[in-house]
């Protein structure tokens, strides 16, 4: 048996940088765009605003 600490590397060392980039920046931006599109509605919908009655 050898005492070498040879480990198989499944992912490169730079993988953490790319995971952090995607998980920390791109995913929140994508979710923000999706939520903004869902809650903004279509441009055909308009809201009528009436003035308050004078007392």
N, C-alpha and C. Protein backbone atom coordinates (compact mmCIF):
# COMPACT_ATOMS: atom_id res chain seq x y z
N UNK A 1 0.83 -1.17 0.00
CA UNK A 1 0.00 0.00 0.00
C UNK A 1 0.88 1.24 0.00
N UNK A 2 0.48 2.21 -0.74
CA UNK A 2 1.25 3.44 -0.77
C UNK A 2 0.56 4.50 0.07
N UNK A 3 1.36 5.39 0.62
CA UNK A 3 0.82 6.45 1.45
C UNK A 3 0.61 7.74 0.66
N UNK A 4 0.61 7.64 -0.64
CA UNK A 4 0.40 8.84 -1.46
C UNK A 4 -1.04 9.31 -1.32
N UNK A 5 -1.23 10.60 -1.30
CA UNK A 5 -2.57 11.17 -1.22
C UNK A 5 -3.06 11.54 -2.62
N UNK A 6 -3.03 10.59 -3.50
CA UNK A 6 -3.51 10.83 -4.86
C UNK A 6 -5.02 10.63 -4.89
N UNK A 7 -5.72 11.71 -5.18
CA UNK A 7 -7.17 11.65 -5.26
C UNK A 7 -7.59 11.95 -6.68
N UNK A 8 -8.62 11.28 -7.10
CA UNK A 8 -9.15 11.58 -8.41
C UNK A 8 -9.96 12.86 -8.32
N UNK A 9 -9.74 13.74 -9.28
CA UNK A 9 -10.46 15.01 -9.32
C UNK A 9 -11.60 14.87 -10.30
N UNK A 10 -12.83 15.05 -9.79
CA UNK A 10 -14.00 14.90 -10.65
C UNK A 10 -14.32 16.19 -11.39
N UNK A 11 -14.05 17.32 -10.77
CA UNK A 11 -14.29 18.61 -11.40
C UNK A 11 -13.03 19.45 -11.28
N UNK A 12 -12.78 20.32 -12.20
CA UNK A 12 -11.58 21.16 -12.10
C UNK A 12 -11.69 22.15 -10.93
N UNK A 13 -10.58 22.69 -10.54
CA UNK A 13 -10.55 23.62 -9.42
C UNK A 13 -11.30 24.91 -9.71
N UNK A 14 -11.41 25.28 -10.96
CA UNK A 14 -12.11 26.52 -11.31
C UNK A 14 -13.63 26.34 -11.31
N UNK A 15 -14.13 25.15 -11.02
CA UNK A 15 -15.57 24.92 -11.04
C UNK A 15 -16.27 25.74 -9.97
N UNK A 16 -15.64 25.95 -8.82
CA UNK A 16 -16.26 26.73 -7.76
C UNK A 16 -16.52 28.16 -8.21
N UNK A 17 -15.62 28.72 -9.00
CA UNK A 17 -15.80 30.08 -9.50
C UNK A 17 -17.02 30.15 -10.39
N UNK A 18 -17.21 29.19 -11.27
CA UNK A 18 -18.34 29.20 -12.20
C UNK A 18 -19.65 28.91 -11.48
N UNK A 19 -19.62 28.03 -10.49
CA UNK A 19 -20.83 27.76 -9.71
C UNK A 19 -21.25 29.01 -8.95
N UNK A 20 -20.29 29.70 -8.37
CA UNK A 20 -20.60 30.94 -7.65
C UNK A 20 -21.11 32.01 -8.60
N UNK A 21 -20.54 32.10 -9.78
CA UNK A 21 -20.99 33.09 -10.76
C UNK A 21 -22.43 32.83 -11.17
N UNK A 22 -22.73 31.59 -11.50
CA UNK A 22 -24.08 31.25 -11.95
C UNK A 22 -25.07 31.36 -10.79
N UNK A 23 -24.72 30.80 -9.64
CA UNK A 23 -25.65 30.80 -8.52
C UNK A 23 -25.81 32.15 -7.85
N UNK A 24 -24.79 32.97 -7.89
CA UNK A 24 -24.85 34.23 -7.18
C UNK A 24 -25.27 35.41 -8.01
N UNK A 25 -25.10 35.33 -9.32
CA UNK A 25 -25.41 36.49 -10.16
C UNK A 25 -26.47 36.16 -11.21
N UNK A 26 -26.24 35.14 -11.99
CA UNK A 26 -27.13 34.89 -13.13
C UNK A 26 -28.50 34.36 -12.72
N UNK A 27 -28.56 33.50 -11.71
CA UNK A 27 -29.85 32.97 -11.28
C UNK A 27 -30.74 34.06 -10.70
N UNK A 28 -30.24 34.92 -9.79
CA UNK A 28 -31.12 36.01 -9.30
C UNK A 28 -31.56 36.98 -10.39
N UNK A 29 -30.68 37.26 -11.34
CA UNK A 29 -31.08 38.15 -12.44
C UNK A 29 -32.18 37.50 -13.27
N UNK A 30 -32.03 36.22 -13.58
CA UNK A 30 -33.04 35.51 -14.37
C UNK A 30 -34.37 35.47 -13.62
N UNK A 31 -34.33 35.19 -12.32
CA UNK A 31 -35.56 35.17 -11.54
C UNK A 31 -36.20 36.55 -11.48
N UNK A 32 -35.40 37.59 -11.37
CA UNK A 32 -35.93 38.95 -11.36
C UNK A 32 -36.62 39.31 -12.66
N UNK A 33 -36.04 38.91 -13.76
CA UNK A 33 -36.65 39.19 -15.07
C UNK A 33 -37.97 38.43 -15.21
N UNK A 34 -37.99 37.18 -14.78
CA UNK A 34 -39.22 36.39 -14.88
C UNK A 34 -40.31 36.98 -14.00
N UNK A 35 -39.98 37.32 -12.76
CA UNK A 35 -40.98 37.88 -11.85
C UNK A 35 -41.46 39.23 -12.35
N UNK A 36 -40.58 40.05 -12.89
CA UNK A 36 -40.98 41.35 -13.42
C UNK A 36 -41.95 41.18 -14.59
N UNK A 37 -41.70 40.21 -15.44
CA UNK A 37 -42.60 39.98 -16.57
C UNK A 37 -43.95 39.44 -16.12
N UNK A 38 -43.96 38.61 -15.09
CA UNK A 38 -45.22 38.05 -14.61
C UNK A 38 -46.07 39.12 -13.96
N UNK A 39 -45.47 39.95 -13.10
CA UNK A 39 -46.23 40.93 -12.35
C UNK A 39 -46.50 42.22 -13.11
N UNK A 40 -45.79 42.45 -14.20
CA UNK A 40 -46.05 43.67 -14.96
C UNK A 40 -47.32 43.55 -15.78
N UNK A 41 -47.70 42.34 -16.14
CA UNK A 41 -48.91 42.15 -16.93
C UNK A 41 -48.71 42.61 -18.36
N UNK A 42 -49.79 42.58 -19.10
CA UNK A 42 -49.70 43.03 -20.49
C UNK A 42 -49.96 44.52 -20.56
N UNK A 43 -49.56 45.13 -21.64
CA UNK A 43 -49.71 46.58 -21.80
C UNK A 43 -51.17 46.97 -22.10
N UNK A 44 -52.01 45.99 -22.45
CA UNK A 44 -53.40 46.29 -22.78
C UNK A 44 -54.22 46.59 -21.53
N UNK A 45 -53.79 46.14 -20.39
CA UNK A 45 -54.54 46.36 -19.17
C UNK A 45 -54.22 47.75 -18.63
N UNK A 46 -55.29 48.54 -18.43
CA UNK A 46 -55.09 49.87 -17.88
C UNK A 46 -55.92 50.00 -16.61
N UNK A 47 -55.51 50.86 -15.74
CA UNK A 47 -56.20 51.08 -14.48
C UNK A 47 -56.77 52.49 -14.50
N UNK A 48 -58.05 52.59 -14.20
CA UNK A 48 -58.71 53.88 -14.15
C UNK A 48 -58.60 54.41 -12.73
N UNK A 49 -58.07 55.61 -12.59
CA UNK A 49 -57.90 56.22 -11.27
C UNK A 49 -58.86 57.40 -11.17
N UNK A 50 -59.69 57.35 -10.14
CA UNK A 50 -60.67 58.40 -9.93
C UNK A 50 -60.18 59.33 -8.81
N UNK A 51 -60.45 60.62 -8.91
CA UNK A 51 -60.04 61.52 -7.83
C UNK A 51 -60.92 61.32 -6.59
N UNK A 52 -60.36 61.64 -5.44
CA UNK A 52 -61.13 61.53 -4.21
C UNK A 52 -62.20 62.61 -4.17
N UNK A 53 -63.35 62.30 -3.59
CA UNK A 53 -64.40 63.34 -3.50
C UNK A 53 -63.98 64.44 -2.52
N UNK A 54 -64.37 65.64 -2.86
CA UNK A 54 -64.03 66.77 -1.99
C UNK A 54 -64.98 66.79 -0.83
N UNK A 55 -64.48 67.13 0.33
CA UNK A 55 -65.35 67.18 1.52
C UNK A 55 -65.82 68.58 1.79
